[in-house]
Amino acid sequence: MATVRMIDIAVNFTDSMFKGIYNGKQYHIGDIQAVLKRAWSAGVDRIIVTGGSLEESKEALAIAETDARLFCTVGVHPTRCKEFEDSGDPEKHLQDLLTLAKEGIEKGKVVAIGECGLDYDRLHFCPSDTQKKYFEKQFELAYRMKLPMFLHMRAAAQDFCDILERNKDRFVAGVAHSFTGSAEDRDKLLSFSNVFIGVNGCSLKTAENLEVVKGIPVERMMIETDSPYCDIKNSHAGIHFVKSSWPSKKKERHDQECLVKGRNEPCLVRQVLEVVAGTKGITNIDQLGKTLYHNTCRVFFPHDLDSAAEALLASGREAI
């Protein structure tokens, strides 16, 4: 397998599955180090660990500090926005997030504010008015920290884009990750010149999904696993484009050398790249990988872009 340099922009390493716990039951010891070893071997050279609450963001930062190639986000997921009010002092909660982001920036680890946005598929966790209020509040963090945003949009394109429009000058760039929306949703996002779209297995389930992804310009795309979720399953429309595979065993028979069957992990971001290439009819997967890698560096790791890469990006493309 040719090694393409990749960045997985969304890994939920704070999830209990990476501690060997599934539905509250311990099946095996924590295996993040084995998961990372597979990722690095597969050509992943950076991973962004997702923070979805204040406490989870603290844990994401602690995990990011264990390896030079790990980074993280700080923010509150839309389904958890009630934590602002449950804290008893929403403004202090926002300030605590700001303090954590500042600490993480000083350590060279925090690269975005998020995961934040709107999720109307799961309103039983948090009502829409609360989601909207605290999505908007988190732009203050991005503005003050001069950070890009790691965004979540599910069944809420109109309200999401209305909030983006009101705040478009308050964040440098962003990515709407784990995109599963319609062609119309896609085009609304693409109308914001500083917003990219992140795709994973959930973005590639159906023939309709593939048509939508086909219409995302590669210059506006990033790839991710959102592991341990959103793997590419045999029932997915894009499965016939997948070329790479890794041995796996059921969690009951855990083996550090194998993937856990049904648990997604960062090495499988290679499969996302393969399905995107197949969907778009791109035969040069190396060049596609290079473009997606530079998109990601441009937003999250701008200081690492060398002059040659910057020149490549500038040729025929608009600056974000």
Protein backbone atom coordinates (compact mmCIF):
# COMPACT_ATOMS: atom_id res chain seq x y z
CA MET A 1 0.00 0.00 0.00
CA ALA A 2 1.47 3.33 -1.08
CA THR A 3 1.75 5.67 1.86
CA VAL A 4 -0.18 8.91 1.45
CA ARG A 5 0.22 11.53 4.17
CA MET A 6 -3.14 12.07 5.85
CA ILE A 7 -4.58 14.03 8.76
CA ASP A 8 -7.61 12.64 10.57
CA ILE A 9 -9.45 15.75 11.73
CA ALA A 10 -11.92 13.97 14.03
CA VAL A 11 -11.11 11.22 16.51
CA ASN A 12 -13.07 10.72 19.74
CA PHE A 13 -10.24 9.30 21.81
CA THR A 14 -12.13 10.30 24.97
CA ASP A 15 -14.77 7.67 24.13
CA SER A 16 -14.87 4.70 26.49
CA MET A 17 -14.41 2.24 23.59
CA PHE A 18 -10.75 3.24 23.45
CA LYS A 19 -10.56 2.29 27.13
CA GLY A 20 -11.98 -1.14 26.24
CA ILE A 21 -15.44 -0.34 27.65
CA TYR A 22 -18.51 -0.97 25.48
CA ASN A 23 -22.00 -0.12 26.78
CA GLY A 24 -20.62 0.10 30.30
CA LYS A 25 -18.87 -3.29 30.24
CA GLN A 26 -15.07 -3.78 30.19
CA TYR A 27 -13.99 -6.12 27.38
CA HIS A 28 -10.28 -5.34 27.08
CA ILE A 29 -7.60 -2.98 28.32
CA GLY A 30 -7.27 0.51 26.85
CA ASP A 31 -5.41 0.35 23.55
CA ILE A 32 -4.88 3.90 22.27
CA GLN A 33 -1.15 3.25 21.77
CA ALA A 34 -1.85 0.26 19.51
CA VAL A 35 -4.46 2.31 17.64
CA LEU A 36 -1.92 5.11 17.13
CA LYS A 37 0.76 2.69 15.94
CA ARG A 38 -1.61 1.46 13.20
CA ALA A 39 -2.52 5.03 12.27
CA TRP A 40 1.10 6.17 11.90
CA SER A 41 1.91 3.03 9.86
CA ALA A 42 -1.03 3.75 7.53
CA GLY A 43 0.26 7.23 6.65
CA VAL A 44 -1.68 9.31 9.17
CA ASP A 45 0.77 11.86 10.52
CA ARG A 46 -1.55 14.01 12.66
CA ILE A 47 -4.79 13.47 14.51
CA ILE A 48 -7.17 16.03 16.00
CA VAL A 49 -8.85 14.72 19.15
CA THR A 50 -12.40 16.04 19.52
CA GLY A 51 -13.58 17.86 22.64
CA GLY A 52 -17.37 17.91 23.08
CA SER A 53 -17.81 19.35 26.58
CA LEU A 54 -15.67 21.25 29.08
CA GLU A 55 -14.59 18.06 30.86
CA GLU A 56 -14.11 16.15 27.62
CA SER A 57 -12.04 19.02 26.22
CA LYS A 58 -9.77 18.79 29.27
CA GLU A 59 -9.37 15.06 28.65
CA ALA A 60 -8.76 15.64 24.93
CA LEU A 61 -5.97 18.09 25.79
CA ALA A 62 -4.42 15.60 28.21
CA ILE A 63 -4.47 12.91 25.50
CA ALA A 64 -3.00 15.33 22.93
CA GLU A 65 -0.10 16.01 25.27
CA THR A 66 0.98 12.35 25.11
CA ASP A 67 2.21 12.51 21.50
CA ALA A 68 3.69 15.26 19.34
CA ARG A 69 1.37 14.26 16.48
CA LEU A 70 -1.84 14.65 18.49
CA PHE A 71 -3.83 17.90 18.71
CA CYS A 72 -7.30 18.74 19.99
CA THR A 73 -10.33 21.01 20.01
CA VAL A 74 -12.03 22.83 22.90
CA GLY A 75 -15.78 23.38 22.83
CA VAL A 76 -19.27 22.11 23.60
CA HIS A 77 -21.21 19.85 21.25
CA PRO A 78 -24.77 21.02 20.47
CA THR A 79 -26.35 18.03 22.24
CA ARG A 80 -24.47 18.97 25.42
CA CYS A 81 -25.15 22.71 25.49
CA LYS A 82 -27.36 22.33 28.56
CA GLU A 83 -24.10 22.08 30.51
CA PHE A 84 -23.77 25.87 30.25
CA GLU A 85 -26.99 26.35 32.21
CA ASP A 86 -26.52 23.30 34.43
CA SER A 87 -23.22 24.80 35.57
CA GLY A 88 -25.20 27.55 37.34
CA ASP A 89 -23.10 30.27 35.71
CA PRO A 90 -23.06 30.12 31.89
CA GLU A 91 -20.64 33.04 31.57
CA LYS A 92 -18.15 31.41 33.94
CA HIS A 93 -18.51 28.17 31.95
CA LEU A 94 -17.62 30.08 28.78
CA GLN A 95 -14.69 31.67 30.59
CA ASP A 96 -13.48 28.23 31.72
CA LEU A 97 -13.51 27.08 28.10
CA LEU A 98 -11.57 30.20 27.12
CA THR A 99 -8.98 29.55 29.84
CA LEU A 100 -8.60 25.93 28.72
CA ALA A 101 -8.24 26.97 25.06
CA LYS A 102 -5.59 29.51 26.02
CA GLU A 103 -3.68 26.89 28.01
CA GLY A 104 -3.87 24.46 25.08
CA ILE A 105 -2.68 27.06 22.58
CA GLU A 106 0.33 27.83 24.77
CA LYS A 107 1.13 24.11 24.75
CA GLY A 108 0.80 24.04 20.95
CA LYS A 109 -2.07 21.56 21.15
CA VAL A 110 -5.44 23.30 20.74
CA VAL A 111 -6.08 23.97 17.04
CA ALA A 112 -9.83 24.76 16.94
CA ILE A 113 -12.92 25.74 18.89
CA GLY A 114 -15.52 22.99 18.82
CA GLU A 115 -17.15 20.65 18.40
CA CYS A 116 -19.97 23.17 18.26
CA GLY A 117 -22.99 23.76 16.09
CA LEU A 118 -26.58 22.51 15.78
CA ASP A 119 -28.06 19.01 15.88
CA TYR A 120 -31.83 18.86 15.35
CA ASP A 121 -31.78 15.05 15.01
CA ARG A 122 -31.21 14.75 18.76
CA LEU A 123 -33.32 17.46 20.33
CA HIS A 124 -34.15 15.07 23.20
CA PHE A 125 -30.66 15.84 24.53
CA CYS A 126 -30.89 19.62 24.18
CA PRO A 127 -33.63 21.91 22.79
CA SER A 128 -32.92 23.97 19.68
CA ASP A 129 -33.10 27.36 21.43
CA THR A 130 -30.39 26.30 23.89
CA GLN A 131 -28.28 24.91 21.07
CA LYS A 132 -28.55 28.12 19.05
CA LYS A 133 -27.76 30.35 22.02
CA TYR A 134 -24.56 28.54 22.96
CA PHE A 135 -23.44 27.85 19.41
CA GLU A 136 -23.47 31.60 18.89
CA LYS A 137 -21.64 32.20 22.18
CA GLN A 138 -18.76 29.95 21.11
CA PHE A 139 -17.86 32.28 18.25
CA GLU A 140 -16.58 34.56 21.01
CA LEU A 141 -13.99 31.89 21.85
CA ALA A 142 -12.89 31.59 18.22
CA TYR A 143 -12.71 35.36 17.86
CA ARG A 144 -10.69 35.92 21.01
CA MET A 145 -8.35 32.98 20.45
CA LYS A 146 -8.00 33.60 16.67
CA LEU A 147 -8.77 29.92 16.09
CA PRO A 148 -10.71 28.12 13.36
CA MET A 149 -13.95 26.33 14.23
CA PHE A 150 -14.74 22.63 14.26
CA LEU A 151 -18.43 22.56 13.37
CA HIS A 152 -21.34 20.13 13.65
CA MET A 153 -24.45 20.48 11.49
CA ARG A 154 -27.20 17.87 11.53
CA ALA A 155 -30.70 18.47 10.11
CA ALA A 156 -30.33 22.17 10.87
CA ALA A 157 -28.82 23.76 7.76
CA GLN A 158 -30.94 26.93 7.67
CA ASP A 159 -30.47 27.95 11.31
CA PHE A 160 -26.83 26.86 11.20
CA CYS A 161 -26.07 28.97 8.13
CA ASP A 162 -28.01 31.95 9.53
CA ILE A 163 -25.76 31.86 12.61
CA LEU A 164 -22.64 31.46 10.44
CA GLU A 165 -23.72 34.45 8.37
CA ARG A 166 -24.10 36.62 11.47
CA ASN A 167 -20.68 35.58 12.72
CA LYS A 168 -18.72 35.10 9.49
CA ASP A 169 -16.24 37.82 10.39
CA ARG A 170 -15.59 36.38 13.85
CA PHE A 171 -13.76 33.20 12.85
CA VAL A 172 -10.84 32.69 10.51
CA ALA A 173 -12.02 29.40 8.98
CA GLY A 174 -13.94 26.28 9.85
CA VAL A 175 -14.90 22.77 8.84
CA ALA A 176 -18.41 21.34 8.98
CA HIS A 177 -17.37 17.86 9.94
CA SER A 178 -19.13 14.49 9.46
CA PHE A 179 -21.27 16.01 6.72
CA THR A 180 -24.39 14.02 5.83
CA GLY A 181 -26.58 16.74 4.34
CA SER A 182 -28.25 17.26 0.97
CA ALA A 183 -26.82 18.90 -2.13
CA GLU A 184 -28.65 22.07 -1.08
CA ASP A 185 -27.05 21.90 2.40
CA ARG A 186 -23.66 21.38 0.78
CA ASP A 187 -24.07 24.41 -1.45
CA LYS A 188 -25.14 26.58 1.49
CA LEU A 189 -21.94 25.66 3.30
CA LEU A 190 -19.80 26.19 0.20
CA SER A 191 -21.23 29.72 -0.12
CA PHE A 192 -19.05 30.61 2.89
CA SER A 193 -15.55 30.95 1.42
CA ASN A 194 -13.86 30.07 4.71
CA VAL A 195 -15.83 26.87 5.45
CA PHE A 196 -14.62 23.40 4.45
CA ILE A 197 -16.55 20.13 4.55
CA GLY A 198 -15.32 17.05 6.42
CA VAL A 199 -16.36 13.62 5.15
CA ASN A 200 -16.25 10.20 6.80
CA GLY A 201 -18.04 6.85 6.51
CA CYS A 202 -21.38 8.42 7.49
CA SER A 203 -20.97 10.82 4.55
CA LEU A 204 -20.61 7.87 2.14
CA LYS A 205 -23.46 5.51 3.06
CA THR A 206 -25.90 5.85 0.16
CA ALA A 207 -25.77 6.50 -3.58
CA GLU A 208 -27.33 9.90 -2.85
CA ASN A 209 -24.57 10.64 -0.30
CA LEU A 210 -21.95 9.82 -2.94
CA GLU A 211 -23.57 12.19 -5.44
CA VAL A 212 -23.47 14.96 -2.84
CA VAL A 213 -19.81 14.28 -2.00
CA LYS A 214 -18.99 14.19 -5.72
CA GLY A 215 -20.05 17.85 -5.83
CA ILE A 216 -17.72 19.02 -3.04
CA PRO A 217 -14.63 20.59 -4.66
CA VAL A 218 -11.49 18.80 -3.42
CA GLU A 219 -10.09 22.22 -2.49
CA ARG A 220 -12.90 22.58 0.07
CA MET A 221 -12.79 19.08 1.57
CA MET A 222 -11.12 17.30 4.50
CA ILE A 223 -11.24 13.66 5.57
CA GLU A 224 -11.86 12.08 8.95
CA THR A 225 -12.99 8.91 10.69
CA ASP A 226 -14.97 10.37 13.62
CA SER A 227 -13.86 7.12 15.25
CA PRO A 228 -14.90 5.02 17.06
CA TYR A 229 -18.05 5.79 15.03
CA CYS A 230 -18.80 6.30 11.31
CA ASP A 231 -16.84 3.41 9.81
CA ILE A 232 -17.43 2.35 6.20
CA LYS A 233 -19.58 -0.78 6.34
CA ASN A 234 -20.00 -3.52 3.74
CA SER A 235 -23.56 -2.31 3.18
CA HIS A 236 -22.43 1.22 2.22
CA ALA A 237 -22.69 2.43 -1.37
CA GLY A 238 -18.99 3.31 -1.57
CA ILE A 239 -17.63 0.00 -0.27
CA HIS A 240 -16.60 -1.20 -3.75
CA PHE A 241 -14.11 1.69 -3.93
CA VAL A 242 -12.30 0.51 -0.76
CA LYS A 243 -8.90 -1.04 -1.52
CA SER A 244 -7.23 -1.25 1.90
CA SER A 245 -8.10 -3.52 4.81
CA TRP A 246 -6.82 -4.49 8.25
CA PRO A 247 -7.44 -7.71 10.20
CA SER A 248 -10.07 -7.38 12.91
CA LYS A 249 -11.41 -9.43 15.82
CA LYS A 250 -14.50 -9.13 17.98
CA LYS A 251 -14.05 -7.13 21.17
CA GLU A 252 -14.38 -10.35 23.19
CA ARG A 253 -11.23 -11.65 21.49
CA HIS A 254 -9.27 -8.39 21.60
CA ASP A 255 -5.80 -8.49 20.14
CA GLN A 256 -3.53 -5.42 20.15
CA GLU A 257 -2.42 -6.29 16.60
CA CYS A 258 -5.96 -6.21 15.18
CA LEU A 259 -8.78 -3.72 14.86
CA VAL A 260 -11.83 -4.30 17.03
CA LYS A 261 -14.61 -5.39 14.67
CA GLY A 262 -17.20 -2.63 14.38
CA ARG A 263 -15.04 0.01 16.09
CA ASN A 264 -13.68 2.64 13.74
CA GLU A 265 -10.14 3.98 14.19
CA PRO A 266 -7.82 6.49 12.51
CA CYS A 267 -5.93 4.09 10.20
CA LEU A 268 -9.25 3.65 8.36
CA VAL A 269 -9.19 7.27 7.18
CA ARG A 270 -7.34 5.74 4.24
CA GLN A 271 -10.60 4.06 3.22
CA VAL A 272 -12.40 7.41 3.26
CA LEU A 273 -9.74 8.76 0.91
CA GLU A 274 -10.22 5.75 -1.38
CA VAL A 275 -14.01 6.16 -1.54
CA VAL A 276 -13.73 9.90 -2.21
CA ALA A 277 -11.27 9.18 -5.03
CA GLY A 278 -13.52 6.48 -6.50
CA THR A 279 -16.63 8.62 -6.23
CA LYS A 280 -14.94 11.50 -8.02
CA GLY A 281 -13.24 9.28 -10.62
CA ILE A 282 -9.79 10.39 -9.42
CA THR A 283 -7.07 7.87 -10.27
CA ASN A 284 -4.16 9.80 -8.70
CA ILE A 285 -4.91 9.14 -5.03
CA ASP A 286 -1.53 10.60 -4.03
CA GLN A 287 -2.42 13.98 -5.53
CA LEU A 288 -5.88 13.91 -3.94
CA GLY A 289 -4.30 13.07 -0.58
CA LYS A 290 -1.84 15.92 -1.00
CA THR A 291 -4.61 18.43 -1.70
CA LEU A 292 -6.69 17.30 1.30
CA TYR A 293 -3.60 17.33 3.51
CA HIS A 294 -2.78 20.91 2.52
CA ASN A 295 -6.39 22.02 2.99
CA THR A 296 -6.18 20.73 6.54
CA CYS A 297 -2.80 22.31 7.25
CA ARG A 298 -4.02 25.59 5.88
CA VAL A 299 -6.87 25.74 8.37
CA PHE A 300 -5.48 24.00 11.46
CA PHE A 301 -1.68 24.10 11.04
CA PRO A 302 -0.97 27.24 8.98
CA HIS A 303 2.51 27.71 10.46
CA ASP A 304 3.58 24.35 9.04
CA LEU A 305 2.90 25.17 5.41
CA ASP A 306 6.23 25.65 3.69
CA SER A 307 6.56 28.09 0.82
CA ALA A 308 6.36 25.36 -1.82
CA ALA A 309 3.07 24.08 -0.41
CA GLU A 310 1.72 27.61 -0.14
CA ALA A 311 2.63 28.26 -3.77
CA LEU A 312 0.85 25.06 -4.79
CA LEU A 313 -2.25 26.09 -2.88
CA ALA A 314 -2.19 29.60 -4.27
CA SER A 315 -2.08 28.50 -7.89
CA GLY A 316 -5.56 28.84 -9.26
CA ARG A 317 -7.25 28.91 -5.86
CA GLU A 318 -8.77 31.63 -3.76
CA ALA A 319 -7.29 32.36 -0.36
CA ILE A 320 -9.57 31.61 2.53
